[in-house]
Amino acid sequence: MNQKELKELIDFLVERDISEFELQQGDERVRIKRGAAASTAPVAPFVATFPPPPQTPHPVAYVPGASSPSPPKEVTAVGDDLHIVKSPIVGTFYEAPAPGAPPFVKIGDAVETGQVLCIIEAMKLMNEIETDIAGELIQKLVANNQAVEYGQPLFAIRPRK
């Protein structure tokens, strides 16, 4: 397998959000594994019980001076000009790579295409969720450690013009 074929394979895996792949053709063997580098920091433990779902969704809005929102503020409306990053899987939302670590992104941050926004844990696998657009992070629509559904809005980003 030459470099061009390998690059095309990696691009395909990134595009399809495939985190691990192995191919063997004759004597050649290729194994590709994407994700966060191994860390000595503890990973959040798996919890078998989930809190009951809220009656209405409570997206988190930016509050200047607040380190972390206590009760989430209700977002009145997400503008038509905002890009919504949705959960590609069912799992648990984590805003940081490890407990006690700073979050991947904060409200007001400039984000680039492919930048990791959060982790969603599904079946003890940590899946990095990346943005598919460059711009400014306007809203975080879920709370840390919250269970999320497939297609649930996670972040609102104002695209860069």
Protein backbone atom coordinates (compact mmCIF):
# COMPACT_ATOMS: atom_id res chain seq x y z
CA MET A 1 0.00 0.00 0.00
CA ASN A 2 1.54 3.31 -1.01
CA GLN A 3 1.29 6.64 0.83
CA LYS A 4 -1.50 7.97 -1.38
CA GLU A 5 -3.69 4.91 -0.77
CA LEU A 6 -2.98 5.09 2.95
CA LYS A 7 -3.91 8.79 3.06
CA GLU A 8 -7.16 8.09 1.17
CA LEU A 9 -7.96 5.27 3.62
CA ILE A 10 -7.33 7.53 6.62
CA ASP A 11 -9.46 10.32 5.10
CA PHE A 12 -12.27 7.81 4.51
CA LEU A 13 -12.09 6.58 8.13
CA VAL A 14 -12.14 10.14 9.47
CA GLU A 15 -15.08 11.04 7.21
CA ARG A 16 -17.07 8.01 8.41
CA ASP A 17 -16.00 8.56 12.05
CA ILE A 18 -14.49 5.06 12.26
CA SER A 19 -12.13 4.88 15.24
CA GLU A 20 -10.37 1.56 14.55
CA PHE A 21 -9.63 -0.35 11.33
CA GLU A 22 -7.43 -3.29 10.33
CA LEU A 23 -6.64 -4.56 6.82
CA GLN A 24 -4.47 -7.47 5.71
CA GLN A 25 -3.59 -8.10 2.06
CA GLY A 26 -1.07 -10.88 1.60
CA ASP A 27 2.02 -10.01 3.63
CA GLU A 28 0.94 -6.39 4.18
CA ARG A 29 -0.99 -5.54 7.31
CA VAL A 30 -2.34 -2.08 8.21
CA ARG A 31 -3.95 -1.17 11.53
CA ILE A 32 -5.29 2.33 12.13
CA LYS A 33 -6.61 3.48 15.49
CA ARG A 34 -7.92 7.00 16.00
CA GLY A 35 -8.69 8.73 19.28
CA ALA A 36 -7.08 10.40 22.24
CA ALA A 37 -3.56 9.39 23.13
CA ALA A 38 -3.18 7.04 26.08
CA SER A 39 -3.17 8.94 29.33
CA THR A 40 -2.39 8.15 32.92
CA ALA A 41 -5.28 10.36 34.00
CA PRO A 42 -8.25 8.39 35.33
CA VAL A 43 -11.22 8.00 33.02
CA ALA A 44 -14.71 8.70 34.30
CA PRO A 45 -16.21 5.49 35.67
CA PHE A 46 -19.07 3.79 33.89
CA VAL A 47 -22.37 4.25 35.73
CA ALA A 48 -25.07 1.70 35.03
CA THR A 49 -27.98 3.89 36.12
CA PHE A 50 -29.21 7.00 34.35
CA PRO A 51 -31.12 9.91 35.87
CA PRO A 52 -34.72 10.25 34.75
CA PRO A 53 -35.04 12.41 31.62
CA PRO A 54 -36.14 16.01 32.21
CA GLN A 55 -39.66 16.99 31.21
CA THR A 56 -38.32 19.65 28.86
CA PRO A 57 -34.79 20.03 27.51
CA HIS A 58 -32.70 22.62 29.36
CA PRO A 59 -29.97 23.92 27.08
CA VAL A 60 -27.17 25.76 28.85
CA ALA A 61 -26.68 29.41 27.96
CA TYR A 62 -23.57 31.52 28.49
CA VAL A 63 -23.63 33.55 31.68
CA PRO A 64 -20.71 36.00 31.94
CA GLY A 65 -18.64 35.46 35.09
CA ALA A 66 -20.12 32.04 35.88
CA SER A 67 -17.61 29.20 36.04
CA SER A 68 -20.18 26.50 35.45
CA PRO A 69 -23.93 26.84 35.18
CA SER A 70 -25.82 25.59 38.23
CA PRO A 71 -29.37 25.48 36.95
CA PRO A 72 -29.30 25.61 33.16
CA LYS A 73 -30.85 28.72 31.67
CA GLU A 74 -33.52 28.11 29.10
CA VAL A 75 -32.45 29.12 25.61
CA THR A 76 -35.25 31.02 23.95
CA ALA A 77 -34.33 30.23 20.36
CA VAL A 78 -31.36 29.13 18.33
CA GLY A 79 -30.85 31.55 15.44
CA ASP A 80 -31.15 30.46 11.83
CA ASP A 81 -27.55 31.55 11.24
CA LEU A 82 -26.19 29.06 13.82
CA HIS A 83 -24.83 25.62 12.98
CA ILE A 84 -25.94 22.89 15.39
CA VAL A 85 -23.55 20.04 16.23
CA LYS A 86 -25.67 16.98 17.06
CA SER A 87 -24.80 13.76 18.85
CA PRO A 88 -23.99 10.97 16.38
CA ILE A 89 -24.61 8.31 19.08
CA VAL A 90 -26.45 7.57 22.33
CA GLY A 91 -24.24 7.89 25.39
CA THR A 92 -22.97 10.13 28.17
CA PHE A 93 -21.69 13.64 27.37
CA TYR A 94 -18.34 14.72 28.84
CA GLU A 95 -17.03 18.24 28.29
CA ALA A 96 -13.43 17.41 29.31
CA PRO A 97 -10.93 14.64 28.53
CA ALA A 98 -10.75 13.59 32.22
CA PRO A 99 -12.44 14.49 35.52
CA GLY A 100 -11.00 17.74 36.84
CA ALA A 101 -9.45 18.65 33.47
CA PRO A 102 -10.45 21.87 31.71
CA PRO A 103 -13.21 21.50 29.10
CA PHE A 104 -12.30 21.01 25.44
CA VAL A 105 -14.10 24.26 24.55
CA LYS A 106 -15.83 27.14 26.33
CA ILE A 107 -18.59 29.49 25.21
CA GLY A 108 -17.05 32.25 23.08
CA ASP A 109 -14.11 30.13 21.87
CA ALA A 110 -13.16 30.19 18.21
CA VAL A 111 -13.31 26.62 16.87
CA GLU A 112 -11.76 25.13 13.76
CA THR A 113 -13.07 22.32 11.55
CA GLY A 114 -12.08 18.99 13.07
CA GLN A 115 -11.53 20.39 16.58
CA VAL A 116 -12.71 18.13 19.43
CA LEU A 117 -15.69 19.64 21.26
CA CYS A 118 -16.51 16.87 23.73
CA ILE A 119 -16.50 13.14 24.38
CA ILE A 120 -19.52 10.87 24.31
CA GLU A 121 -19.07 7.62 26.17
CA ALA A 122 -20.98 4.71 24.68
CA MET A 123 -20.50 1.13 25.88
CA LYS A 124 -17.29 2.12 27.72
CA LEU A 125 -15.78 3.61 24.54
CA MET A 126 -14.83 7.28 24.57
CA ASN A 127 -15.87 8.86 21.24
CA GLU A 128 -14.43 12.29 20.45
CA ILE A 129 -17.00 14.57 18.83
CA GLU A 130 -15.48 17.07 16.41
CA THR A 131 -16.91 20.16 14.79
CA ASP A 132 -17.52 20.06 11.06
CA ILE A 133 -17.44 23.84 10.71
CA ALA A 134 -15.19 26.72 11.78
CA GLY A 135 -16.66 29.57 13.78
CA GLU A 136 -17.46 30.79 17.30
CA LEU A 137 -19.00 28.55 19.96
CA ILE A 138 -22.18 30.32 21.00
CA GLN A 139 -24.04 27.79 23.16
CA LYS A 140 -23.46 24.51 24.92
CA LEU A 141 -26.82 22.75 24.84
CA VAL A 142 -26.18 19.90 27.31
CA ALA A 143 -24.68 19.62 30.79
CA ASN A 144 -21.58 17.62 31.70
CA ASN A 145 -22.28 13.93 32.56
CA GLN A 146 -25.73 14.18 30.92
CA ALA A 147 -27.13 11.23 28.96
CA VAL A 148 -27.65 12.21 25.31
CA GLU A 149 -29.68 10.68 22.51
CA TYR A 150 -28.85 10.16 18.84
CA GLY A 151 -29.37 13.45 16.99
CA GLN A 152 -29.65 15.53 20.17
CA PRO A 153 -28.22 19.05 19.73
CA LEU A 154 -24.95 19.48 21.66
CA PHE A 155 -23.47 22.84 20.57
CA ALA A 156 -24.48 25.93 18.58
CA ILE A 157 -21.72 27.48 16.47
CA ARG A 158 -21.86 30.76 14.55
CA PRO A 159 -20.06 29.95 11.26
CA ARG A 160 -17.07 32.07 10.31
CA LYS A 161 -17.79 34.36 7.38
